[in-house]
Amino acid sequence: MNLDQYLPVLLFILVGSLVGIGPLVLGYILGPNRPDEAKNSPYECGFEAFEDARMKFDVRYYLVAILFILFDLELAFLLPWAVALGDVGLAGFVAVLIFLAVLVVGFAYEWKKGALDWE
């Protein structure tokens, strides 16, 4: 069996491991390690924990997250379409109109649920 064919793969694994593990090891060896009570204490967003971590979130939190995903995906799909606008023709234009109609329905749902009302 000829092992010369596996040399590039083994070299790739070795270099990848060094690039991935090397900085971690260097940071552990060379980095400062001065723990104290404040650094080792549990915290949540800079404040001491005062309630159960499993408390329920308000549904508006999830609606805002859906709204973010809605507009993020809209941009991710519309940008390539805008770049290739000349090549897609009428069929591509109609497909984007259908896509935007679906997004408008999602936006109307968010608006109706009150995700855009900030208190």
PDB file of N, CA and C in Angstrom:
ATOM      1  N   MET A   1       0.843  -1.179   0.000  1.00  0.00           N
ATOM      2  CA  MET A   1       0.000   0.000   0.000  1.00  0.00           C
ATOM      3  C   MET A   1       0.888   1.242   0.000  1.00  0.00           C
ATOM      4  N   ASN A   2       0.573   2.171  -0.881  1.00  0.00           N
ATOM      5  CA  ASN A   2       1.371   3.373  -1.041  1.00  0.00           C
ATOM      6  C   ASN A   2       0.816   4.483  -0.134  1.00  0.00           C
ATOM      7  N   LEU A   3       1.635   4.922   0.831  1.00  0.00           N
ATOM      8  CA  LEU A   3       1.195   5.941   1.774  1.00  0.00           C
ATOM      9  C   LEU A   3       1.470   7.360   1.295  1.00  0.00           C
ATOM     10  N   ASP A   4       2.092   7.511   0.130  1.00  0.00           N
ATOM     11  CA  ASP A   4       2.381   8.837  -0.396  1.00  0.00           C
ATOM     12  C   ASP A   4       1.099   9.623  -0.715  1.00  0.00           C
ATOM     13  N   GLN A   5       0.034   8.932  -1.028  1.00  0.00           N
ATOM     14  CA  GLN A   5      -1.222   9.600  -1.334  1.00  0.00           C
ATOM     15  C   GLN A   5      -1.851  10.220  -0.090  1.00  0.00           C
ATOM     16  N   TYR A   6      -1.551   9.684   1.076  1.00  0.00           N
ATOM     17  CA  TYR A   6      -2.143  10.174   2.315  1.00  0.00           C
ATOM     18  C   TYR A   6      -1.332  11.292   2.964  1.00  0.00           C
ATOM     19  N   LEU A   7      -0.144  11.547   2.438  1.00  0.00           N
ATOM     20  CA  LEU A   7       0.710  12.579   3.031  1.00  0.00           C
ATOM     21  C   LEU A   7       0.058  13.966   3.026  1.00  0.00           C
ATOM     22  N   PRO A   8      -0.561  14.429   1.930  1.00  0.00           N
ATOM     23  CA  PRO A   8      -1.209  15.749   1.984  1.00  0.00           C
ATOM     24  C   PRO A   8      -2.351  15.809   2.995  1.00  0.00           C
ATOM     25  N   VAL A   9      -3.094  14.730   3.122  1.00  0.00           N
ATOM     26  CA  VAL A   9      -4.206  14.703   4.080  1.00  0.00           C
ATOM     27  C   VAL A   9      -3.665  14.753   5.506  1.00  0.00           C
ATOM     28  N   LEU A  10      -2.651  13.973   5.791  1.00  0.00           N
ATOM     29  CA  LEU A  10      -2.063  13.986   7.126  1.00  0.00           C
ATOM     30  C   LEU A  10      -1.420  15.331   7.441  1.00  0.00           C
ATOM     31  N   LEU A  11      -0.779  15.939   6.448  1.00  0.00           N
ATOM     32  CA  LEU A  11      -0.195  17.262   6.633  1.00  0.00           C
ATOM     33  C   LEU A  11      -1.282  18.301   6.895  1.00  0.00           C
ATOM     34  N   PHE A  12      -2.387  18.196   6.189  1.00  0.00           N
ATOM     35  CA  PHE A  12      -3.514  19.107   6.394  1.00  0.00           C
ATOM     36  C   PHE A  12      -4.080  18.961   7.806  1.00  0.00           C
ATOM     37  N   ILE A  13      -4.225  17.735   8.283  1.00  0.00           N
ATOM     38  CA  ILE A  13      -4.725  17.500   9.641  1.00  0.00           C
ATOM     39  C   ILE A  13      -3.740  18.036  10.673  1.00  0.00           C
ATOM     40  N   LEU A  14      -2.461  17.832  10.452  1.00  0.00           N
ATOM     41  CA  LEU A  14      -1.448  18.322  11.385  1.00  0.00           C
ATOM     42  C   LEU A  14      -1.434  19.849  11.458  1.00  0.00           C
ATOM     43  N   VAL A  15      -1.422  20.508  10.302  1.00  0.00           N
ATOM     44  CA  VAL A  15      -1.403  21.973  10.281  1.00  0.00           C
ATOM     45  C   VAL A  15      -2.708  22.527  10.859  1.00  0.00           C
ATOM     46  N   GLY A  16      -3.827  21.922  10.531  1.00  0.00           N
ATOM     47  CA  GLY A  16      -5.105  22.367  11.084  1.00  0.00           C
ATOM     48  C   GLY A  16      -5.164  22.223  12.592  1.00  0.00           C
ATOM     49  N   SER A  17      -4.629  21.136  13.101  1.00  0.00           N
ATOM     50  CA  SER A  17      -4.595  20.937  14.549  1.00  0.00           C
ATOM     51  C   SER A  17      -3.683  21.950  15.222  1.00  0.00           C
ATOM     52  N   LEU A  18      -2.540  22.227  14.603  1.00  0.00           N
ATOM     53  CA  LEU A  18      -1.630  23.226  15.179  1.00  0.00           C
ATOM     54  C   LEU A  18      -2.248  24.617  15.181  1.00  0.00           C
ATOM     55  N   VAL A  19      -2.939  24.967  14.119  1.00  0.00           N
ATOM     56  CA  VAL A  19      -3.578  26.283  14.044  1.00  0.00           C
ATOM     57  C   VAL A  19      -4.735  26.375  15.036  1.00  0.00           C
ATOM     58  N   GLY A  20      -5.432  25.281  15.262  1.00  0.00           N
ATOM     59  CA  GLY A  20      -6.560  25.306  16.184  1.00  0.00           C
ATOM     60  C   GLY A  20      -6.170  25.181  17.640  1.00  0.00           C
ATOM     61  N   ILE A  21      -5.224  24.332  17.932  1.00  0.00           N
ATOM     62  CA  ILE A  21      -4.855  24.061  19.323  1.00  0.00           C
ATOM     63  C   ILE A  21      -3.693  24.935  19.784  1.00  0.00           C
ATOM     64  N   GLY A  22      -2.808  25.316  18.863  1.00  0.00           N
ATOM     65  CA  GLY A  22      -1.628  26.105  19.216  1.00  0.00           C
ATOM     66  C   GLY A  22      -1.937  27.401  19.961  1.00  0.00           C
ATOM     67  N   PRO A  23      -2.832  28.260  19.454  1.00  0.00           N
ATOM     68  CA  PRO A  23      -3.130  29.498  20.176  1.00  0.00           C
ATOM     69  C   PRO A  23      -3.746  29.256  21.555  1.00  0.00           C
ATOM     70  N   LEU A  24      -4.531  28.203  21.689  1.00  0.00           N
ATOM     71  CA  LEU A  24      -5.098  27.882  23.001  1.00  0.00           C
ATOM     72  C   LEU A  24      -4.010  27.521  24.008  1.00  0.00           C
ATOM     73  N   VAL A  25      -3.082  26.696  23.573  1.00  0.00           N
ATOM     74  CA  VAL A  25      -1.988  26.291  24.455  1.00  0.00           C
ATOM     75  C   VAL A  25      -1.096  27.485  24.785  1.00  0.00           C
ATOM     76  N   LEU A  26      -0.775  28.308  23.781  1.00  0.00           N
ATOM     77  CA  LEU A  26       0.042  29.493  24.024  1.00  0.00           C
ATOM     78  C   LEU A  26      -0.649  30.470  24.981  1.00  0.00           C
ATOM     79  N   GLY A  27      -1.940  30.651  24.831  1.00  0.00           N
ATOM     80  CA  GLY A  27      -2.678  31.532  25.731  1.00  0.00           C
ATOM     81  C   GLY A  27      -2.705  30.999  27.155  1.00  0.00           C
ATOM     82  N   TYR A  28      -2.813  29.682  27.293  1.00  0.00           N
ATOM     83  CA  TYR A  28      -2.820  29.084  28.629  1.00  0.00           C
ATOM     84  C   TYR A  28      -1.455  29.219  29.296  1.00  0.00           C
ATOM     85  N   ILE A  29      -0.392  29.032  28.506  1.00  0.00           N
ATOM     86  CA  ILE A  29       0.963  29.094  29.072  1.00  0.00           C
ATOM     87  C   ILE A  29       1.388  30.534  29.331  1.00  0.00           C
ATOM     88  N   LEU A  30       1.177  31.433  28.374  1.00  0.00           N
ATOM     89  CA  LEU A  30       1.690  32.792  28.475  1.00  0.00           C
ATOM     90  C   LEU A  30       0.724  33.777  29.130  1.00  0.00           C
ATOM     91  N   GLY A  31      -0.538  33.438  29.189  1.00  0.00           N
ATOM     92  CA  GLY A  31      -1.528  34.374  29.716  1.00  0.00           C
ATOM     93  C   GLY A  31      -1.463  34.488  31.232  1.00  0.00           C
ATOM     94  N   PRO A  32      -1.869  35.661  31.761  1.00  0.00           N
ATOM     95  CA  PRO A  32      -1.868  35.835  33.212  1.00  0.00           C
ATOM     96  C   PRO A  32      -2.966  34.995  33.855  1.00  0.00           C
ATOM     97  N   ASN A  33      -2.673  34.499  35.044  1.00  0.00           N
ATOM     98  CA  ASN A  33      -3.640  33.683  35.775  1.00  0.00           C
ATOM     99  C   ASN A  33      -3.672  34.191  37.213  1.00  0.00           C
ATOM    100  N   ARG A  34      -4.518  35.194  37.449  1.00  0.00           N
ATOM    101  CA  ARG A  34      -4.639  35.777  38.781  1.00  0.00           C
ATOM    102  C   ARG A  34      -6.098  35.735  39.225  1.00  0.00           C
ATOM    103  N   PRO A  35      -6.594  34.570  39.614  1.00  0.00           N
ATOM    104  CA  PRO A  35      -8.001  34.489  40.011  1.00  0.00           C
ATOM    105  C   PRO A  35      -8.237  35.145  41.368  1.00  0.00           C
ATOM    106  N   ASP A  36      -9.408  35.724  41.535  1.00  0.00           N
ATOM    107  CA  ASP A  36      -9.834  36.228  42.833  1.00  0.00           C
ATOM    108  C   ASP A  36     -11.326  35.932  42.990  1.00  0.00           C
ATOM    109  N   GLU A  37     -11.899  36.362  44.087  1.00  0.00           N
ATOM    110  CA  GLU A  37     -13.287  36.016  44.389  1.00  0.00           C
ATOM    111  C   GLU A  37     -14.255  36.613  43.367  1.00  0.00           C
ATOM    112  N   ALA A  38     -13.989  37.830  42.927  1.00  0.00           N
ATOM    113  CA  ALA A  38     -14.893  38.482  41.976  1.00  0.00           C
ATOM    114  C   ALA A  38     -14.856  37.800  40.608  1.00  0.00           C
ATOM    115  N   LYS A  39     -13.668  37.358  40.182  1.00  0.00           N
ATOM    116  CA  LYS A  39     -13.565  36.704  38.882  1.00  0.00           C
ATOM    117  C   LYS A  39     -14.190  35.311  38.883  1.00  0.00           C
ATOM    118  N   ASN A  40     -14.129  34.630  39.999  1.00  0.00           N
ATOM    119  CA  ASN A  40     -14.641  33.264  40.068  1.00  0.00           C
ATOM    120  C   ASN A  40     -16.108  33.197  40.477  1.00  0.00           C
ATOM    121  N   SER A  41     -16.729  34.319  40.785  1.00  0.00           N
ATOM    122  CA  SER A  41     -18.125  34.294  41.223  1.00  0.00           C
ATOM    123  C   SER A  41     -19.051  34.170  40.015  1.00  0.00           C
ATOM    124  N   PRO A  42     -20.177  33.503  40.199  1.00  0.00           N
ATOM    125  CA  PRO A  42     -21.129  33.397  39.089  1.00  0.00           C
ATOM    126  C   PRO A  42     -21.844  34.733  38.889  1.00  0.00           C
ATOM    127  N   TYR A  43     -22.047  35.109  37.676  1.00  0.00           N
ATOM    128  CA  TYR A  43     -22.751  36.350  37.377  1.00  0.00           C
ATOM    129  C   TYR A  43     -23.572  36.161  36.117  1.00  0.00           C
ATOM    130  N   GLU A  44     -24.510  37.046  35.944  1.00  0.00           N
ATOM    131  CA  GLU A  44     -25.346  37.009  34.758  1.00  0.00           C
ATOM    132  C   GLU A  44     -25.513  38.444  34.286  1.00  0.00           C
ATOM    133  N   CYS A  45     -24.921  38.793  33.191  1.00  0.00           N
ATOM    134  CA  CYS A  45     -24.973  40.134  32.627  1.00  0.00           C
ATOM    135  C   CYS A  45     -24.398  41.175  33.581  1.00  0.00           C
ATOM    136  N   GLY A  46     -23.429  40.812  34.396  1.00  0.00           N
ATOM    137  CA  GLY A  46     -22.803  41.757  35.295  1.00  0.00           C
ATOM    138  C   GLY A  46     -23.501  41.938  36.617  1.00  0.00           C
ATOM    139  N   PHE A  47     -24.663  41.315  36.789  1.00  0.00           N
ATOM    140  CA  PHE A  47     -25.414  41.436  38.033  1.00  0.00           C
ATOM    141  C   PHE A  47     -25.401  40.105  38.770  1.00  0.00           C
ATOM    142  N   GLU A  48     -25.544  40.160  40.063  1.00  0.00           N
ATOM    143  CA  GLU A  48     -25.660  38.933  40.838  1.00  0.00           C
ATOM    144  C   GLU A  48     -26.971  38.231  40.482  1.00  0.00           C
ATOM    145  N   ALA A  49     -26.937  36.927  40.481  1.00  0.00           N
ATOM    146  CA  ALA A  49     -28.142  36.165  40.188  1.00  0.00           C
ATOM    147  C   ALA A  49     -29.127  36.321  41.335  1.00  0.00           C
ATOM    148  N   PHE A  50     -30.360  36.685  41.011  1.00  0.00           N
ATOM    149  CA  PHE A  50     -31.357  36.902  42.061  1.00  0.00           C
ATOM    150  C   PHE A  50     -32.634  36.128  41.830  1.00  0.00           C
ATOM    151  N   GLU A  51     -32.793  35.485  40.681  1.00  0.00           N
ATOM    152  CA  GLU A  51     -33.973  34.678  40.413  1.00  0.00           C
ATOM    153  C   GLU A  51     -33.557  33.363  39.772  1.00  0.00           C
ATOM    154  N   ASP A  52     -34.550  32.543  39.555  1.00  0.00           N
ATOM    155  CA  ASP A  52     -34.317  31.260  38.909  1.00  0.00           C
ATOM    156  C   ASP A  52     -33.926  31.488  37.450  1.00  0.00           C
ATOM    157  N   ALA A  53     -32.927  30.789  36.993  1.00  0.00           N
ATOM    158  CA  ALA A  53     -32.461  30.945  35.609  1.00  0.00           C
ATOM    159  C   ALA A  53     -33.453  30.361  34.611  1.00  0.00           C
ATOM    160  N   ARG A  54     -34.397  29.565  35.082  1.00  0.00           N
ATOM    161  CA  ARG A  54     -35.370  28.936  34.193  1.00  0.00           C
ATOM    162  C   ARG A  54     -36.686  29.705  34.135  1.00  0.00           C
ATOM    163  N   MET A  55     -36.656  30.995  34.456  1.00  0.00           N
ATOM    164  CA  MET A  55     -37.886  31.779  34.411  1.00  0.00           C
ATOM    165  C   MET A  55     -38.335  31.944  32.968  1.00  0.00           C
ATOM    166  N   LYS A  56     -39.621  32.137  32.780  1.00  0.00           N
ATOM    167  CA  LYS A  56     -40.185  32.250  31.441  1.00  0.00           C
ATOM    168  C   LYS A  56     -39.964  33.653  30.906  1.00  0.00           C
ATOM    169  N   PHE A  57     -39.658  33.732  29.613  1.00  0.00           N
ATOM    170  CA  PHE A  57     -39.506  35.010  28.946  1.00  0.00           C
ATOM    171  C   PHE A  57     -40.867  35.470  28.441  1.00  0.00           C
ATOM    172  N   ASP A  58     -40.995  36.762  28.315  1.00  0.00           N
ATOM    173  CA  ASP A  58     -42.193  37.325  27.725  1.00  0.00           C
ATOM    174  C   ASP A  58     -42.225  36.944  26.251  1.00  0.00           C
ATOM    175  N   VAL A  59     -43.422  36.725  25.721  1.00  0.00           N
ATOM    176  CA  VAL A  59     -43.554  36.293  24.331  1.00  0.00           C
ATOM    177  C   VAL A  59     -43.046  37.364  23.370  1.00  0.00           C
ATOM    178  N   ARG A  60     -43.009  38.622  23.790  1.00  0.00           N
ATOM    179  CA  ARG A  60     -42.511  39.685  22.914  1.00  0.00           C
ATOM    180  C   ARG A  60     -41.033  39.483  22.586  1.00  0.00           C
ATOM    181  N   TYR A  61     -40.298  38.838  23.485  1.00  0.00           N
ATOM    182  CA  TYR A  61     -38.890  38.548  23.204  1.00  0.00           C
ATOM    183  C   TYR A  61     -38.783  37.660  21.964  1.00  0.00           C
ATOM    184  N   TYR A  62     -39.611  36.651  21.883  1.00  0.00           N
ATOM    185  CA  TYR A  62     -39.576  35.738  20.748  1.00  0.00           C
ATOM    186  C   TYR A  62     -40.093  36.421  19.479  1.00  0.00           C
ATOM    187  N   LEU A  63     -41.061  37.309  19.631  1.00  0.00           N
ATOM    188  CA  LEU A  63     -41.566  38.021  18.461  1.00  0.00           C
ATOM    189  C   LEU A  63     -40.501  38.947  17.879  1.00  0.00           C
ATOM    190  N   VAL A  64     -39.724  39.571  18.734  1.00  0.00           N
ATOM    191  CA  VAL A  64     -38.632  40.418  18.239  1.00  0.00           C
ATOM    192  C   VAL A  64     -37.578  39.554  17.556  1.00  0.00           C
ATOM    193  N   ALA A  65     -37.315  38.373  18.100  1.00  0.00           N
ATOM    194  CA  ALA A  65     -36.353  37.465  17.465  1.00  0.00           C
ATOM    195  C   ALA A  65     -36.843  37.020  16.089  1.00  0.00           C
ATOM    196  N   ILE A  66     -38.137  36.735  15.979  1.00  0.00           N
ATOM    197  CA  ILE A  66     -38.702  36.359  14.682  1.00  0.00           C
ATOM    198  C   ILE A  66     -38.601  37.522  13.715  1.00  0.00           C
ATOM    199  N   LEU A  67     -38.842  38.724  14.209  1.00  0.00           N
ATOM    200  CA  LEU A  67     -38.751  39.904  13.362  1.00  0.00           C
ATOM    201  C   LEU A  67     -37.328  40.097  12.841  1.00  0.00           C
ATOM    202  N   PHE A  68     -36.342  39.896  13.710  1.00  0.00           N
ATOM    203  CA  PHE A  68     -34.953  40.006  13.277  1.00  0.00           C
ATOM    204  C   PHE A  68     -34.639  38.980  12.196  1.00  0.00           C
ATOM    205  N   ILE A  69     -35.060  37.743  12.404  1.00  0.00           N
ATOM    206  CA  ILE A  69     -34.796  36.692  11.412  1.00  0.00           C
ATOM    207  C   ILE A  69     -35.497  37.018  10.104  1.00  0.00           C
ATOM    208  N   LEU A  70     -36.704  37.564  10.203  1.00  0.00           N
ATOM    209  CA  LEU A  70     -37.460  37.912   9.009  1.00  0.00           C
ATOM    210  C   LEU A  70     -36.705  38.911   8.139  1.00  0.00           C
ATOM    211  N   PHE A  71     -36.225  39.992   8.745  1.00  0.00           N
ATOM    212  CA  PHE A  71     -35.524  41.004   7.953  1.00  0.00           C
ATOM    213  C   PHE A  71     -34.109  40.569   7.586  1.00  0.00           C
ATOM    214  N   ASP A  72     -33.493  39.756   8.400  1.00  0.00           N
ATOM    215  CA  ASP A  72     -32.166  39.250   8.078  1.00  0.00           C
ATOM    216  C   ASP A  72     -32.228  38.344   6.852  1.00  0.00           C
ATOM    217  N   LEU A  73     -33.195  37.450   6.823  1.00  0.00           N
ATOM    218  CA  LEU A  73     -33.341  36.573   5.664  1.00  0.00           C
ATOM    219  C   LEU A  73     -33.758  37.349   4.429  1.00  0.00           C
ATOM    220  N   GLU A  74     -34.570  38.369   4.625  1.00  0.00           N
ATOM    221  CA  GLU A  74     -34.968  39.182   3.479  1.00  0.00           C
ATOM    222  C   GLU A  74     -33.746  39.798   2.807  1.00  0.00           C
ATOM    223  N   LEU A  75     -32.863  40.346   3.601  1.00  0.00           N
ATOM    224  CA  LEU A  75     -31.656  40.951   3.035  1.00  0.00           C
ATOM    225  C   LEU A  75     -30.753  39.896   2.407  1.00  0.00           C
ATOM    226  N   ALA A  76     -30.633  38.748   3.068  1.00  0.00           N
ATOM    227  CA  ALA A  76     -29.753  37.696   2.551  1.00  0.00           C
ATOM    228  C   ALA A  76     -30.237  37.158   1.208  1.00  0.00           C
ATOM    229  N   PHE A  77     -31.551  37.160   0.982  1.00  0.00           N
ATOM    230  CA  PHE A  77     -32.064  36.661  -0.285  1.00  0.00           C
ATOM    231  C   PHE A  77     -32.217  37.750  -1.340  1.00  0.00           C
ATOM    232  N   LEU A  78     -32.438  38.992  -0.918  1.00  0.00           N
ATOM    233  CA  LEU A  78     -32.632  40.051  -1.905  1.00  0.00           C
ATOM    234  C   LEU A  78     -31.323  40.583  -2.482  1.00  0.00           C
ATOM    235  N   LEU A  79     -30.253  40.505  -1.729  1.00  0.00           N
ATOM    236  CA  LEU A  79     -28.984  41.032  -2.229  1.00  0.00           C
ATOM    237  C   LEU A  79     -28.481  40.269  -3.471  1.00  0.00           C
ATOM    238  N   PRO A  80     -28.443  38.933  -3.455  1.00  0.00           N
ATOM    239  CA  PRO A  80     -28.018  38.239  -4.686  1.00  0.00           C
ATOM    240  C   PRO A  80     -28.989  38.463  -5.844  1.00  0.00           C
ATOM    241  N   TRP A  81     -30.271  38.578  -5.523  1.00  0.00           N
ATOM    242  CA  TRP A  81     -31.240  38.841  -6.580  1.00  0.00           C
ATOM    243  C   TRP A  81     -30.987  40.204  -7.217  1.00  0.00           C
ATOM    244  N   ALA A  82     -30.679  41.198  -6.401  1.00  0.00           N
ATOM    245  CA  ALA A  82     -30.427  42.538  -6.927  1.00  0.00           C
ATOM    246  C   ALA A  82     -29.168  42.557  -7.786  1.00  0.00           C
ATOM    247  N   VAL A  83     -28.177  41.758  -7.419  1.00  0.00           N
ATOM    248  CA  VAL A  83     -26.946  41.705  -8.211  1.00  0.00           C
ATOM    249  C   VAL A  83     -27.219  41.069  -9.573  1.00  0.00           C
ATOM    250  N   ALA A  84     -28.066  40.045  -9.610  1.00  0.00           N
ATOM    251  CA  ALA A  84     -28.345  39.319 -10.857  1.00  0.00           C
ATOM    252  C   ALA A  84     -29.660  39.757 -11.484  1.00  0.00           C
ATOM    253  N   LEU A  85     -30.092  40.974 -11.228  1.00  0.00           N
ATOM    254  CA  LEU A  85     -31.394  41.443 -11.704  1.00  0.00           C
ATOM    255  C   LEU A  85     -31.522  41.367 -13.220  1.00  0.00           C
ATOM    256  N   GLY A  86     -30.462  41.687 -13.931  1.00  0.00           N
ATOM    257  CA  GLY A  86     -30.522  41.657 -15.392  1.00  0.00           C
ATOM    258  C   GLY A  86     -30.622  40.254 -15.968  1.00  0.00           C
ATOM    259  N   ASP A  87     -30.155  39.258 -15.236  1.00  0.00           N
ATOM    260  CA  ASP A  87     -30.123  37.891 -15.759  1.00  0.00           C
ATOM    261  C   ASP A  87     -31.370  37.075 -15.420  1.00  0.00           C
ATOM    262  N   VAL A  88     -32.125  37.466 -14.412  1.00  0.00           N
ATOM    263  CA  VAL A  88     -33.237  36.623 -13.963  1.00  0.00           C
ATOM    264  C   VAL A  88     -34.491  36.814 -14.788  1.00  0.00           C
ATOM    265  N   GLY A  89     -34.662  37.961 -15.394  1.00  0.00           N
ATOM    266  CA  GLY A  89     -35.805  38.188 -16.267  1.00  0.00           C
ATOM    267  C   GLY A  89     -37.111  38.318 -15.507  1.00  0.00           C
ATOM    268  N   LEU A  90     -38.209  38.135 -16.231  1.00  0.00           N
ATOM    269  CA  LEU A  90     -39.540  38.318 -15.657  1.00  0.00           C
ATOM    270  C   LEU A  90     -39.866  37.226 -14.637  1.00  0.00           C
ATOM    271  N   ALA A  91     -39.415  36.000 -14.884  1.00  0.00           N
ATOM    272  CA  ALA A  91     -39.700  34.906 -13.945  1.00  0.00           C
ATOM    273  C   ALA A  91     -39.031  35.157 -12.595  1.00  0.00           C
ATOM    274  N   GLY A  92     -37.819  35.653 -12.616  1.00  0.00           N
ATOM    275  CA  GLY A  92     -37.132  35.980 -11.373  1.00  0.00           C
ATOM    276  C   GLY A  92     -37.792  37.136 -10.648  1.00  0.00           C
ATOM    277  N   PHE A  93     -38.288  38.109 -11.401  1.00  0.00           N
ATOM    278  CA  PHE A  93     -38.973  39.241 -10.803  1.00  0.00           C
ATOM    279  C   PHE A  93     -40.262  38.798 -10.121  1.00  0.00           C
ATOM    280  N   VAL A  94     -41.024  37.924 -10.766  1.00  0.00           N
ATOM    281  CA  VAL A  94     -42.268  37.415 -10.174  1.00  0.00           C
ATOM    282  C   VAL A  94     -41.957  36.570  -8.940  1.00  0.00           C
ATOM    283  N   ALA A  95     -40.896  35.779  -8.989  1.00  0.00           N
ATOM    284  CA  ALA A  95     -40.522  34.963  -7.828  1.00  0.00           C
ATOM    285  C   ALA A  95     -40.164  35.841  -6.635  1.00  0.00           C
ATOM    286  N   VAL A  96     -39.474  36.937  -6.859  1.00  0.00           N
ATOM    287  CA  VAL A  96     -39.122  37.849  -5.768  1.00  0.00           C
ATOM    288  C   VAL A  96     -40.363  38.552  -5.247  1.00  0.00           C
ATOM    289  N   LEU A  97     -41.326  38.886  -6.121  1.00  0.00           N
ATOM    290  CA  LEU A  97     -42.567  39.483  -5.646  1.00  0.00           C
ATOM    291  C   LEU A  97     -43.334  38.516  -4.744  1.00  0.00           C
ATOM    292  N   ILE A  98     -43.344  37.237  -5.090  1.00  0.00           N
ATOM    293  CA  ILE A  98     -43.994  36.235  -4.230  1.00  0.00           C
ATOM    294  C   ILE A  98     -43.254  36.125  -2.906  1.00  0.00           C
ATOM    295  N   PHE A  99     -41.939  36.130  -2.965  1.00  0.00           N
ATOM    296  CA  PHE A  99     -41.131  36.067  -1.744  1.00  0.00           C
ATOM    297  C   PHE A  99     -41.409  37.269  -0.849  1.00  0.00           C
ATOM    298  N   LEU A 100     -41.476  38.450  -1.437  1.00  0.00           N
ATOM    299  CA  LEU A 100     -41.765  39.652  -0.655  1.00  0.00           C
ATOM    300  C   LEU A 100     -43.183  39.638  -0.101  1.00  0.00           C
ATOM    301  N   ALA A 101     -44.124  39.045  -0.819  1.00  0.00           N
ATOM    302  CA  ALA A 101     -45.496  38.937  -0.314  1.00  0.00           C
ATOM    303  C   ALA A 101     -45.536  38.050   0.930  1.00  0.00           C
ATOM    304  N   VAL A 102     -44.784  36.961   0.922  1.00  0.00           N
ATOM    305  CA  VAL A 102     -44.715  36.097   2.105  1.00  0.00           C
ATOM    306  C   VAL A 102     -44.093  36.853   3.277  1.00  0.00           C
ATOM    307  N   LEU A 103     -43.064  37.640   3.008  1.00  0.00           N
ATOM    308  CA  LEU A 103     -42.443  38.427   4.063  1.00  0.00           C
ATOM    309  C   LEU A 103     -43.383  39.500   4.601  1.00  0.00           C
ATOM    310  N   VAL A 104     -44.187  40.095   3.748  1.00  0.00           N
ATOM    311  CA  VAL A 104     -45.146  41.101   4.204  1.00  0.00           C
ATOM    312  C   VAL A 104     -46.196  40.456   5.097  1.00  0.00           C
ATOM    313  N   VAL A 105     -46.599  39.238   4.784  1.00  0.00           N
ATOM    314  CA  VAL A 105     -47.550  38.527   5.655  1.00  0.00           C
ATOM    315  C   VAL A 105     -46.921  38.292   7.033  1.00  0.00           C
ATOM    316  N   GLY A 106     -45.649  37.900   7.075  1.00  0.00           N
ATOM    317  CA  GLY A 106     -44.961  37.728   8.350  1.00  0.00           C
ATOM    318  C   GLY A 106     -44.816  39.030   9.109  1.00  0.00           C
ATOM    319  N   PHE A 107     -44.550  40.106   8.379  1.00  0.00           N
ATOM    320  CA  PHE A 107     -44.432  41.413   9.009  1.00  0.00           C
ATOM    321  C   PHE A 107     -45.779  41.870   9.566  1.00  0.00           C
ATOM    322  N   ALA A 108     -46.849  41.633   8.829  1.00  0.00           N
ATOM    323  CA  ALA A 108     -48.188  41.987   9.314  1.00  0.00           C
ATOM    324  C   ALA A 108     -48.542  41.189  10.572  1.00  0.00           C
ATOM    325  N   TYR A 109     -48.147  39.927  10.609  1.00  0.00           N
ATOM    326  CA  TYR A 109     -48.377  39.115  11.808  1.00  0.00           C
ATOM    327  C   TYR A 109     -47.630  39.702  13.005  1.00  0.00           C
ATOM    328  N   GLU A 110     -46.388  40.078  12.796  1.00  0.00           N
ATOM    329  CA  GLU A 110     -45.600  40.679  13.873  1.00  0.00           C
ATOM    330  C   GLU A 110     -46.248  41.984  14.351  1.00  0.00           C
ATOM    331  N   TRP A 111     -46.695  42.779  13.418  1.00  0.00           N
ATOM    332  CA  TRP A 111     -47.312  44.053  13.762  1.00  0.00           C
ATOM    333  C   TRP A 111     -48.596  43.837  14.553  1.00  0.00           C
ATOM    334  N   LYS A 112     -49.409  42.847  14.118  1.00  0.00           N
ATOM    335  CA  LYS A 112     -50.658  42.555  14.797  1.00  0.00           C
ATOM    336  C   LYS A 112     -50.422  42.027  16.211  1.00  0.00           C
ATOM    337  N   LYS A 113     -49.361  41.268  16.412  1.00  0.00           N
ATOM    338  CA  LYS A 113     -49.048  40.726  17.727  1.00  0.00           C
ATOM    339  C   LYS A 113     -48.416  41.773  18.655  1.00  0.00           C
ATOM    340  N   GLY A 114     -48.049  42.921  18.109  1.00  0.00           N
ATOM    341  CA  GLY A 114     -47.514  43.991  18.948  1.00  0.00           C
ATOM    342  C   GLY A 114     -46.011  43.938  19.157  1.00  0.00           C
ATOM    343  N   ALA A 115     -45.288  43.257  18.275  1.00  0.00           N
ATOM    344  CA  ALA A 115     -43.844  43.176  18.440  1.00  0.00           C
ATOM    345  C   ALA A 115     -43.162  44.507  18.169  1.00  0.00           C
ATOM    346  N   LEU A 116     -43.822  45.393  17.451  1.00  0.00           N
ATOM    347  CA  LEU A 116     -43.229  46.675  17.125  1.00  0.00           C
ATOM    348  C   LEU A 116     -43.572  47.752  18.146  1.00  0.00           C
ATOM    349  N   ASP A 117     -44.420  47.428  19.119  1.00  0.00           N
ATOM    350  CA  ASP A 117     -44.797  48.381  20.165  1.00  0.00           C
ATOM    351  C   ASP A 117     -43.819  48.287  21.314  1.00  0.00           C
ATOM    352  N   TRP A 118     -43.016  49.317  21.495  1.00  0.00           N
ATOM    353  CA  TRP A 118     -42.031  49.323  22.576  1.00  0.00           C
ATOM    354  C   TRP A 118     -42.624  50.051  23.765  1.00  0.00           C
ATOM    355  N   GLU A 119     -42.520  49.429  24.901  1.00  0.00           N
ATOM    356  CA  GLU A 119     -43.072  50.021  26.122  1.00  0.00           C
ATOM    357  C   GLU A 119     -41.995  50.602  26.984  1.00  0.00           C
TER     358      GLU A 119
END
